[in-house]
């Protein structure tokens, strides 16, 4: 279940980027842009893993 691991890691990464890195991101524009990049990458991972889990569920239901 790689997709489930990617989902958990993506959510954890998004939470860290949003809350733990917020004071760091306020120090400069580059750090702020990096924070947004990290959140974007986490969102792509979460989205891709949700699609994979959905497809896996649809395949199991059709068997």
C-alpha atoms as a PDB file:
ATOM      1  CA  UNK A   1       0.000   0.000   0.000  1.00  0.00           C
ATOM      2  CA  UNK A   2       2.421   2.608  -1.232  1.00  0.00           C
ATOM      3  CA  UNK A   3      -0.469   4.960  -1.966  1.00  0.00           C
ATOM      4  CA  UNK A   4      -1.548   4.958   1.668  1.00  0.00           C
ATOM      5  CA  UNK A   5       2.007   5.772   2.764  1.00  0.00           C
ATOM      6  CA  UNK A   6       2.225   8.628   0.262  1.00  0.00           C
ATOM      7  CA  UNK A   7      -1.125   9.936   1.509  1.00  0.00           C
ATOM      8  CA  UNK A   8       0.027   9.977   5.139  1.00  0.00           C
ATOM      9  CA  UNK A   9       3.395  11.485   4.223  1.00  0.00           C
ATOM     10  CA  UNK A  10       1.748  14.160   2.070  1.00  0.00           C
ATOM     11  CA  UNK A  11      -0.668  15.204   4.800  1.00  0.00           C
ATOM     12  CA  UNK A  12       2.152  15.263   7.355  1.00  0.00           C
ATOM     13  CA  UNK A  13       4.344  17.326   5.034  1.00  0.00           C
ATOM     14  CA  UNK A  14       1.535  19.802   4.396  1.00  0.00           C
ATOM     15  CA  UNK A  15       0.896  20.202   8.125  1.00  0.00           C
ATOM     16  CA  UNK A  16       4.578  20.731   8.858  1.00  0.00           C
ATOM     17  CA  UNK A  17       4.897  23.271   6.046  1.00  0.00           C
ATOM     18  CA  UNK A  18       1.779  25.129   7.126  1.00  0.00           C
ATOM     19  CA  UNK A  19       2.349  25.303  10.874  1.00  0.00           C
ATOM     20  CA  UNK A  20       5.914  24.405  11.867  1.00  0.00           C
ATOM     21  CA  UNK A  21       7.536  26.411   9.072  1.00  0.00           C
ATOM     22  CA  UNK A  22       5.307  29.488   9.272  1.00  0.00           C
ATOM     23  CA  UNK A  23       7.693  31.575  11.401  1.00  0.00           C
ATOM     24  CA  UNK A  24      10.616  30.527   9.173  1.00  0.00           C
ATOM     25  CA  UNK A  25       8.621  31.504   6.066  1.00  0.00           C
ATOM     26  CA  UNK A  26       8.030  35.008   7.410  1.00  0.00           C
ATOM     27  CA  UNK A  27      11.755  35.762   7.472  1.00  0.00           C
ATOM     28  CA  UNK A  28      12.156  36.316   3.725  1.00  0.00           C
ATOM     29  CA  UNK A  29      10.275  36.107   0.455  1.00  0.00           C
ATOM     30  CA  UNK A  30      12.360  33.142  -0.709  1.00  0.00           C
ATOM     31  CA  UNK A  31      11.507  31.177   2.422  1.00  0.00           C
ATOM     32  CA  UNK A  32       7.842  32.055   1.928  1.00  0.00           C
ATOM     33  CA  UNK A  33       7.948  30.840  -1.675  1.00  0.00           C
ATOM     34  CA  UNK A  34       9.678  27.626  -0.581  1.00  0.00           C
ATOM     35  CA  UNK A  35       6.904  27.060   1.958  1.00  0.00           C
ATOM     36  CA  UNK A  36       4.342  27.371  -0.822  1.00  0.00           C
ATOM     37  CA  UNK A  37       6.364  24.978  -2.969  1.00  0.00           C
ATOM     38  CA  UNK A  38       6.437  22.403  -0.181  1.00  0.00           C
ATOM     39  CA  UNK A  39       2.680  22.717   0.288  1.00  0.00           C
ATOM     40  CA  UNK A  40       2.193  22.304  -3.473  1.00  0.00           C
ATOM     41  CA  UNK A  41       4.341  19.153  -3.599  1.00  0.00           C
ATOM     42  CA  UNK A  42       2.457  17.741  -0.618  1.00  0.00           C
ATOM     43  CA  UNK A  43      -0.842  18.460  -2.380  1.00  0.00           C
ATOM     44  CA  UNK A  44       0.301  16.712  -5.541  1.00  0.00           C
ATOM     45  CA  UNK A  45       1.307  13.679  -3.474  1.00  0.00           C
ATOM     46  CA  UNK A  46      -2.003  13.605  -1.638  1.00  0.00           C
ATOM     47  CA  UNK A  47      -3.965  13.986  -4.856  1.00  0.00           C
ATOM     48  CA  UNK A  48      -2.030  11.275  -6.662  1.00  0.00           C
ATOM     49  CA  UNK A  49      -2.379   8.869  -3.756  1.00  0.00           C
ATOM     50  CA  UNK A  50      -6.133   9.507  -3.519  1.00  0.00           C
ATOM     51  CA  UNK A  51      -6.512   8.743  -7.227  1.00  0.00           C
ATOM     52  CA  UNK A  52      -4.480   5.541  -6.789  1.00  0.00           C
ATOM     53  CA  UNK A  53      -6.563   4.472  -3.791  1.00  0.00           C
ATOM     54  CA  UNK A  54      -9.787   5.252  -5.667  1.00  0.00           C
ATOM     55  CA  UNK A  55      -8.673   3.158  -8.639  1.00  0.00           C
ATOM     56  CA  UNK A  56      -7.631   0.340  -6.309  1.00  0.00           C
ATOM     57  CA  UNK A  57     -11.034   0.423  -4.643  1.00  0.00           C
ATOM     58  CA  UNK A  58     -12.872   0.446  -7.963  1.00  0.00           C
ATOM     59  CA  UNK A  59     -10.820  -2.519  -9.181  1.00  0.00           C
ATOM     60  CA  UNK A  60     -11.586  -4.473  -5.976  1.00  0.00           C
ATOM     61  CA  UNK A  61     -15.305  -3.703  -6.230  1.00  0.00           C
ATOM     62  CA  UNK A  62     -15.509  -4.960  -9.808  1.00  0.00           C
ATOM     63  CA  UNK A  63     -13.943  -8.338  -8.990  1.00  0.00           C
END
